[in-house]
Amino acid sequence: MRQVFLILSSLTLAAGCAQFPDVDAATSPEIAAAPYPTLVPVELVLDKEAPRLDESSEAALDAQVNRLKRRASDLQSEPIE
């Protein structure tokens, strides 16, 4: 059992060292040469107040679920190029 584990671990590690040229070719030279985005403090990104639930929260959540399901259905019906 230990030998099987060692062999599978070795194969997994060897697969991690493989080259993936399609991934490198997927980015354009403009994107590769683009500057890094400006970093901002995390406090500016986080919400100031925790969201609160009220009487209309359930209806709003149901409406969002329906919108997302409709969007997923639309995306599934589009052909993939």
Foldseek 3Di string as FASTA:
>chain_A
DVVVVVVVVVVVVVVVPDDDVVVVVVDDVCVVPDDDDDDDDVVVVDDPDDDDDDPCNVVVVVVVVVVVVVVVVVVVPDDDD
